[in-house]
Amino acid sequence: MTLIIERVLASLLLLAGLSYLVQRSVWKNLVQELLKKPTWLMLWSLLFLPFGLIVVFGHNIWVANWQVIITILGWFLTLKCFLYLLIPNWANFVTRWSDEFLQGYIAIAGVVNAILGGIILILSFSS
């Protein structure tokens, strides 16, 4: 089960990261729309919360190797979804960012996600 969780999360990170890089303006628009409408943000959180919980409950591995990254990402995803569900306006500071800054942030997130996803995917197939 943990191997499947590792590979699914790694694939999601890799594909999302590449999408961030290729479709920056689309992701910028999505972020801006979600922050304008807390109901959509809550729906988005409800869609991602089960995946975070699957990682937390199915891959709660606290070891001194690369697998702990999966566990930490699962906890971050779960926490972020909880925050959006309980305090939808907690991320409103993003609405003050310029379009250029937000697109730059998305590009950096894309690079980080794609690299991290690729590394985890390779490690999951080599173990």
N, C-alpha and C. Protein backbone atom coordinates (compact mmCIF):
# COMPACT_ATOMS: atom_id res chain seq x y z
N MET A 1 0.82 -1.20 0.00
CA MET A 1 0.00 0.00 0.00
C MET A 1 0.86 1.26 0.00
N THR A 2 1.93 1.27 0.80
CA THR A 2 2.75 2.47 0.87
C THR A 2 3.43 2.76 -0.46
N LEU A 3 3.81 1.72 -1.18
CA LEU A 3 4.46 1.91 -2.48
C LEU A 3 3.50 2.57 -3.47
N ILE A 4 2.25 2.17 -3.45
CA ILE A 4 1.25 2.78 -4.33
C ILE A 4 1.07 4.25 -3.97
N ILE A 5 0.98 4.55 -2.68
CA ILE A 5 0.83 5.94 -2.24
C ILE A 5 2.03 6.76 -2.69
N GLU A 6 3.23 6.22 -2.54
CA GLU A 6 4.45 6.94 -2.95
C GLU A 6 4.42 7.24 -4.45
N ARG A 7 4.06 6.25 -5.24
CA ARG A 7 4.06 6.43 -6.71
C ARG A 7 2.95 7.36 -7.18
N VAL A 8 1.79 7.26 -6.56
CA VAL A 8 0.69 8.16 -6.94
C VAL A 8 1.03 9.60 -6.58
N LEU A 9 1.52 9.81 -5.36
CA LEU A 9 1.88 11.17 -4.95
C LEU A 9 3.01 11.72 -5.82
N ALA A 10 4.01 10.90 -6.11
CA ALA A 10 5.12 11.36 -6.96
C ALA A 10 4.62 11.71 -8.35
N SER A 11 3.75 10.89 -8.90
CA SER A 11 3.20 11.17 -10.23
C SER A 11 2.37 12.45 -10.23
N LEU A 12 1.58 12.63 -9.18
CA LEU A 12 0.79 13.85 -9.06
C LEU A 12 1.68 15.08 -8.98
N LEU A 13 2.72 15.01 -8.15
CA LEU A 13 3.66 16.13 -8.04
C LEU A 13 4.33 16.44 -9.38
N LEU A 14 4.78 15.41 -10.06
CA LEU A 14 5.47 15.60 -11.34
C LEU A 14 4.53 16.22 -12.37
N LEU A 15 3.34 15.65 -12.51
CA LEU A 15 2.40 16.16 -13.51
C LEU A 15 1.88 17.56 -13.16
N ALA A 16 1.58 17.78 -11.89
CA ALA A 16 1.11 19.11 -11.48
C ALA A 16 2.22 20.14 -11.70
N GLY A 17 3.45 19.78 -11.35
CA GLY A 17 4.58 20.69 -11.54
C GLY A 17 4.75 21.06 -13.00
N LEU A 18 4.68 20.07 -13.88
CA LEU A 18 4.79 20.36 -15.31
C LEU A 18 3.63 21.22 -15.79
N SER A 19 2.44 20.95 -15.27
CA SER A 19 1.27 21.76 -15.63
C SER A 19 1.44 23.20 -15.16
N TYR A 20 1.97 23.39 -13.94
CA TYR A 20 2.23 24.75 -13.45
C TYR A 20 3.15 25.49 -14.41
N LEU A 21 4.16 24.80 -14.91
CA LEU A 21 5.13 25.45 -15.80
C LEU A 21 4.54 25.76 -17.18
N VAL A 22 3.72 24.86 -17.68
CA VAL A 22 3.18 25.02 -19.03
C VAL A 22 1.94 25.92 -19.04
N GLN A 23 1.15 25.89 -17.97
CA GLN A 23 -0.12 26.61 -17.92
C GLN A 23 -0.16 27.64 -16.78
N ARG A 24 0.90 28.42 -16.64
CA ARG A 24 0.98 29.35 -15.51
C ARG A 24 -0.20 30.31 -15.43
N SER A 25 -0.61 30.86 -16.55
CA SER A 25 -1.71 31.83 -16.50
C SER A 25 -3.03 31.17 -16.12
N VAL A 26 -3.23 29.92 -16.54
CA VAL A 26 -4.45 29.20 -16.17
C VAL A 26 -4.47 28.95 -14.66
N TRP A 27 -3.34 28.52 -14.11
CA TRP A 27 -3.24 28.29 -12.67
C TRP A 27 -3.40 29.59 -11.89
N LYS A 28 -2.84 30.68 -12.42
CA LYS A 28 -3.00 31.99 -11.77
C LYS A 28 -4.48 32.34 -11.70
N ASN A 29 -5.19 32.17 -12.80
CA ASN A 29 -6.62 32.47 -12.83
C ASN A 29 -7.40 31.58 -11.87
N LEU A 30 -7.01 30.31 -11.79
CA LEU A 30 -7.69 29.39 -10.88
C LEU A 30 -7.50 29.84 -9.43
N VAL A 31 -6.28 30.16 -9.06
CA VAL A 31 -6.00 30.62 -7.70
C VAL A 31 -6.81 31.87 -7.39
N GLN A 32 -6.82 32.82 -8.30
CA GLN A 32 -7.56 34.07 -8.07
C GLN A 32 -9.06 33.82 -7.94
N GLU A 33 -9.60 32.93 -8.77
CA GLU A 33 -11.03 32.62 -8.69
C GLU A 33 -11.37 31.89 -7.40
N LEU A 34 -10.53 30.95 -7.00
CA LEU A 34 -10.79 30.21 -5.76
C LEU A 34 -10.78 31.13 -4.55
N LEU A 35 -9.87 32.11 -4.54
CA LEU A 35 -9.79 33.03 -3.40
C LEU A 35 -10.94 34.03 -3.39
N LYS A 36 -11.54 34.28 -4.55
CA LYS A 36 -12.70 35.18 -4.60
C LYS A 36 -13.96 34.51 -4.08
N LYS A 37 -14.03 33.19 -4.21
CA LYS A 37 -15.24 32.45 -3.86
C LYS A 37 -14.90 31.36 -2.85
N PRO A 38 -15.07 31.66 -1.56
CA PRO A 38 -14.74 30.66 -0.53
C PRO A 38 -15.48 29.34 -0.70
N THR A 39 -16.68 29.37 -1.30
CA THR A 39 -17.40 28.11 -1.49
C THR A 39 -16.64 27.18 -2.45
N TRP A 40 -16.07 27.74 -3.50
CA TRP A 40 -15.27 26.93 -4.43
C TRP A 40 -14.00 26.43 -3.76
N LEU A 41 -13.42 27.28 -2.93
CA LEU A 41 -12.20 26.89 -2.21
C LEU A 41 -12.50 25.74 -1.25
N MET A 42 -13.65 25.79 -0.61
CA MET A 42 -14.03 24.70 0.29
C MET A 42 -14.27 23.41 -0.50
N LEU A 43 -14.90 23.52 -1.66
CA LEU A 43 -15.11 22.34 -2.50
C LEU A 43 -13.78 21.74 -2.94
N TRP A 44 -12.87 22.60 -3.36
CA TRP A 44 -11.52 22.18 -3.76
C TRP A 44 -10.86 21.43 -2.62
N SER A 45 -11.00 21.96 -1.41
CA SER A 45 -10.40 21.33 -0.23
C SER A 45 -11.04 19.98 0.06
N LEU A 46 -12.36 19.89 -0.10
CA LEU A 46 -13.04 18.61 0.11
C LEU A 46 -12.59 17.56 -0.90
N LEU A 47 -12.22 18.00 -2.09
CA LEU A 47 -11.74 17.05 -3.10
C LEU A 47 -10.34 16.53 -2.77
N PHE A 48 -9.49 17.37 -2.18
CA PHE A 48 -8.11 16.97 -1.90
C PHE A 48 -7.92 16.39 -0.50
N LEU A 49 -8.82 16.67 0.43
CA LEU A 49 -8.68 16.17 1.79
C LEU A 49 -8.59 14.64 1.86
N PRO A 50 -9.41 13.90 1.13
CA PRO A 50 -9.28 12.43 1.22
C PRO A 50 -7.89 11.93 0.82
N PHE A 51 -7.28 12.55 -0.17
CA PHE A 51 -5.95 12.11 -0.56
C PHE A 51 -4.94 12.38 0.56
N GLY A 52 -5.03 13.56 1.17
CA GLY A 52 -4.15 13.86 2.29
C GLY A 52 -4.35 12.87 3.43
N LEU A 53 -5.61 12.54 3.71
CA LEU A 53 -5.90 11.59 4.78
C LEU A 53 -5.42 10.18 4.44
N ILE A 54 -5.52 9.79 3.18
CA ILE A 54 -5.00 8.48 2.76
C ILE A 54 -3.50 8.41 3.01
N VAL A 55 -2.80 9.49 2.68
CA VAL A 55 -1.35 9.52 2.91
C VAL A 55 -1.06 9.48 4.41
N VAL A 56 -1.79 10.28 5.20
CA VAL A 56 -1.56 10.33 6.65
C VAL A 56 -1.82 8.97 7.30
N PHE A 57 -2.93 8.34 6.94
CA PHE A 57 -3.29 7.07 7.58
C PHE A 57 -2.62 5.86 6.95
N GLY A 58 -2.31 5.94 5.66
CA GLY A 58 -1.73 4.79 4.98
C GLY A 58 -0.23 4.84 4.80
N HIS A 59 0.38 5.98 5.06
CA HIS A 59 1.83 6.13 4.86
C HIS A 59 2.41 6.99 5.98
N ASN A 60 2.04 6.72 7.20
CA ASN A 60 2.53 7.50 8.34
C ASN A 60 3.87 6.91 8.79
N ILE A 61 4.87 7.05 7.93
CA ILE A 61 6.19 6.45 8.13
C ILE A 61 7.17 7.55 8.52
N TRP A 62 7.65 7.47 9.74
CA TRP A 62 8.60 8.46 10.25
C TRP A 62 9.97 7.80 10.39
N VAL A 63 10.68 7.70 9.27
CA VAL A 63 12.00 7.08 9.24
C VAL A 63 12.99 8.09 8.67
N ALA A 64 14.25 7.85 8.90
CA ALA A 64 15.29 8.78 8.44
C ALA A 64 15.72 8.46 7.02
N ASN A 65 14.75 8.45 6.09
CA ASN A 65 15.09 8.32 4.67
C ASN A 65 14.07 9.10 3.84
N TRP A 66 14.10 8.94 2.54
CA TRP A 66 13.28 9.74 1.65
C TRP A 66 11.79 9.51 1.85
N GLN A 67 11.37 8.39 2.41
CA GLN A 67 9.95 8.08 2.56
C GLN A 67 9.23 9.04 3.52
N VAL A 68 9.99 9.65 4.42
CA VAL A 68 9.37 10.60 5.34
C VAL A 68 8.84 11.83 4.59
N ILE A 69 9.40 12.11 3.43
CA ILE A 69 8.91 13.23 2.62
C ILE A 69 7.45 13.03 2.25
N ILE A 70 7.08 11.81 1.91
CA ILE A 70 5.70 11.48 1.56
C ILE A 70 4.78 11.77 2.75
N THR A 71 5.20 11.29 3.92
CA THR A 71 4.41 11.50 5.14
C THR A 71 4.25 12.98 5.43
N ILE A 72 5.32 13.74 5.33
CA ILE A 72 5.26 15.18 5.61
C ILE A 72 4.35 15.88 4.60
N LEU A 73 4.45 15.52 3.33
CA LEU A 73 3.57 16.12 2.32
C LEU A 73 2.11 15.78 2.60
N GLY A 74 1.84 14.56 3.04
CA GLY A 74 0.47 14.17 3.38
C GLY A 74 -0.08 14.99 4.54
N TRP A 75 0.76 15.22 5.56
CA TRP A 75 0.34 16.04 6.69
C TRP A 75 0.12 17.49 6.27
N PHE A 76 1.01 18.04 5.41
CA PHE A 76 0.83 19.41 4.92
C PHE A 76 -0.46 19.55 4.12
N LEU A 77 -0.73 18.59 3.24
CA LEU A 77 -1.94 18.64 2.44
C LEU A 77 -3.18 18.58 3.33
N THR A 78 -3.17 17.69 4.31
CA THR A 78 -4.30 17.56 5.23
C THR A 78 -4.49 18.85 6.03
N LEU A 79 -3.41 19.40 6.54
CA LEU A 79 -3.49 20.65 7.31
C LEU A 79 -4.02 21.79 6.45
N LYS A 80 -3.52 21.90 5.23
CA LYS A 80 -3.96 22.96 4.33
C LYS A 80 -5.46 22.83 4.04
N CYS A 81 -5.93 21.62 3.80
CA CYS A 81 -7.36 21.42 3.55
C CYS A 81 -8.19 21.76 4.78
N PHE A 82 -7.72 21.35 5.96
CA PHE A 82 -8.42 21.71 7.19
C PHE A 82 -8.51 23.22 7.33
N LEU A 83 -7.40 23.91 7.08
CA LEU A 83 -7.41 25.37 7.21
C LEU A 83 -8.41 26.01 6.26
N TYR A 84 -8.42 25.56 5.01
CA TYR A 84 -9.37 26.12 4.05
C TYR A 84 -10.80 25.80 4.42
N LEU A 85 -11.05 24.65 5.02
CA LEU A 85 -12.41 24.28 5.41
C LEU A 85 -12.87 25.03 6.66
N LEU A 86 -11.95 25.25 7.59
CA LEU A 86 -12.33 25.90 8.85
C LEU A 86 -12.16 27.41 8.82
N ILE A 87 -11.15 27.89 8.09
CA ILE A 87 -10.86 29.33 8.00
C ILE A 87 -10.59 29.67 6.53
N PRO A 88 -11.64 29.73 5.71
CA PRO A 88 -11.44 29.90 4.26
C PRO A 88 -10.64 31.14 3.87
N ASN A 89 -10.63 32.17 4.69
CA ASN A 89 -9.95 33.41 4.34
C ASN A 89 -8.50 33.47 4.81
N TRP A 90 -7.95 32.39 5.32
CA TRP A 90 -6.60 32.44 5.88
C TRP A 90 -5.54 32.75 4.82
N ALA A 91 -5.80 32.47 3.57
CA ALA A 91 -4.81 32.70 2.51
C ALA A 91 -5.13 33.93 1.67
N ASN A 92 -5.93 34.84 2.19
CA ASN A 92 -6.30 36.03 1.42
C ASN A 92 -5.12 36.94 1.10
N PHE A 93 -3.99 36.78 1.79
CA PHE A 93 -2.82 37.60 1.48
C PHE A 93 -2.39 37.43 0.03
N VAL A 94 -2.72 36.29 -0.57
CA VAL A 94 -2.36 36.04 -1.96
C VAL A 94 -3.09 37.00 -2.89
N THR A 95 -4.26 37.47 -2.50
CA THR A 95 -5.01 38.39 -3.36
C THR A 95 -4.29 39.72 -3.54
N ARG A 96 -3.36 40.02 -2.66
CA ARG A 96 -2.59 41.27 -2.78
C ARG A 96 -1.36 41.12 -3.68
N TRP A 97 -1.07 39.91 -4.11
CA TRP A 97 0.07 39.69 -4.99
C TRP A 97 -0.25 40.16 -6.40
N SER A 98 0.73 40.70 -7.07
CA SER A 98 0.54 41.08 -8.47
C SER A 98 0.44 39.82 -9.33
N ASP A 99 -0.12 39.97 -10.52
CA ASP A 99 -0.22 38.84 -11.44
C ASP A 99 1.16 38.27 -11.76
N GLU A 100 2.14 39.15 -11.95
CA GLU A 100 3.49 38.70 -12.29
C GLU A 100 4.12 37.91 -11.14
N PHE A 101 3.92 38.43 -9.92
CA PHE A 101 4.47 37.73 -8.76
C PHE A 101 3.83 36.36 -8.58
N LEU A 102 2.50 36.30 -8.73
CA LEU A 102 1.78 35.03 -8.60
C LEU A 102 2.23 34.03 -9.66
N GLN A 103 2.40 34.50 -10.89
CA GLN A 103 2.88 33.59 -11.95
C GLN A 103 4.31 33.13 -11.67
N GLY A 104 5.14 34.01 -11.13
CA GLY A 104 6.49 33.61 -10.75
C GLY A 104 6.47 32.57 -9.64
N TYR A 105 5.60 32.78 -8.66
CA TYR A 105 5.44 31.83 -7.56
C TYR A 105 5.01 30.47 -8.10
N ILE A 106 4.06 30.49 -9.03
CA ILE A 106 3.57 29.25 -9.63
C ILE A 106 4.68 28.56 -10.41
N ALA A 107 5.51 29.33 -11.10
CA ALA A 107 6.63 28.74 -11.85
C ALA A 107 7.62 28.07 -10.89
N ILE A 108 7.94 28.73 -9.79
CA ILE A 108 8.86 28.15 -8.81
C ILE A 108 8.25 26.88 -8.21
N ALA A 109 6.96 26.94 -7.88
CA ALA A 109 6.27 25.75 -7.37
C ALA A 109 6.29 24.64 -8.40
N GLY A 110 6.16 24.99 -9.66
CA GLY A 110 6.21 23.99 -10.73
C GLY A 110 7.54 23.29 -10.79
N VAL A 111 8.61 24.05 -10.72
CA VAL A 111 9.95 23.46 -10.76
C VAL A 111 10.17 22.55 -9.55
N VAL A 112 9.82 23.06 -8.36
CA VAL A 112 10.01 22.27 -7.13
C VAL A 112 9.17 21.00 -7.18
N ASN A 113 7.90 21.12 -7.56
CA ASN A 113 7.03 19.93 -7.63
C ASN A 113 7.53 18.92 -8.65
N ALA A 114 7.91 19.39 -9.83
CA ALA A 114 8.35 18.47 -10.87
C ALA A 114 9.63 17.74 -10.46
N ILE A 115 10.58 18.47 -9.90
CA ILE A 115 11.83 17.83 -9.47
C ILE A 115 11.58 16.86 -8.33
N LEU A 116 10.82 17.31 -7.31
CA LEU A 116 10.53 16.45 -6.17
C LEU A 116 9.75 15.21 -6.61
N GLY A 117 8.76 15.40 -7.45
CA GLY A 117 7.98 14.26 -7.96
C GLY A 117 8.83 13.30 -8.75
N GLY A 118 9.71 13.83 -9.61
CA GLY A 118 10.59 12.97 -10.39
C GLY A 118 11.54 12.17 -9.51
N ILE A 119 12.12 12.83 -8.53
CA ILE A 119 13.06 12.14 -7.62
C ILE A 119 12.33 11.05 -6.83
N ILE A 120 11.17 11.38 -6.28
CA ILE A 120 10.42 10.39 -5.50
C ILE A 120 10.00 9.22 -6.38
N LEU A 121 9.58 9.52 -7.61
CA LEU A 121 9.17 8.45 -8.52
C LEU A 121 10.34 7.51 -8.80
N ILE A 122 11.51 8.07 -9.08
CA ILE A 122 12.69 7.25 -9.32
C ILE A 122 13.04 6.43 -8.09
N LEU A 123 13.02 7.06 -6.93
CA LEU A 123 13.34 6.33 -5.69
C LEU A 123 12.32 5.23 -5.41
N SER A 124 11.06 5.48 -5.69
CA SER A 124 10.03 4.46 -5.42
C SER A 124 10.20 3.24 -6.33
N PHE A 125 10.73 3.43 -7.53
CA PHE A 125 10.95 2.30 -8.43
C PHE A 125 12.28 1.60 -8.17
N SER A 126 13.17 2.28 -7.48
CA SER A 126 14.48 1.67 -7.22
C SER A 126 14.53 0.93 -5.87
N SER A 127 13.46 1.07 -5.08
CA SER A 127 13.50 0.39 -3.77
C SER A 127 12.71 -0.89 -3.77
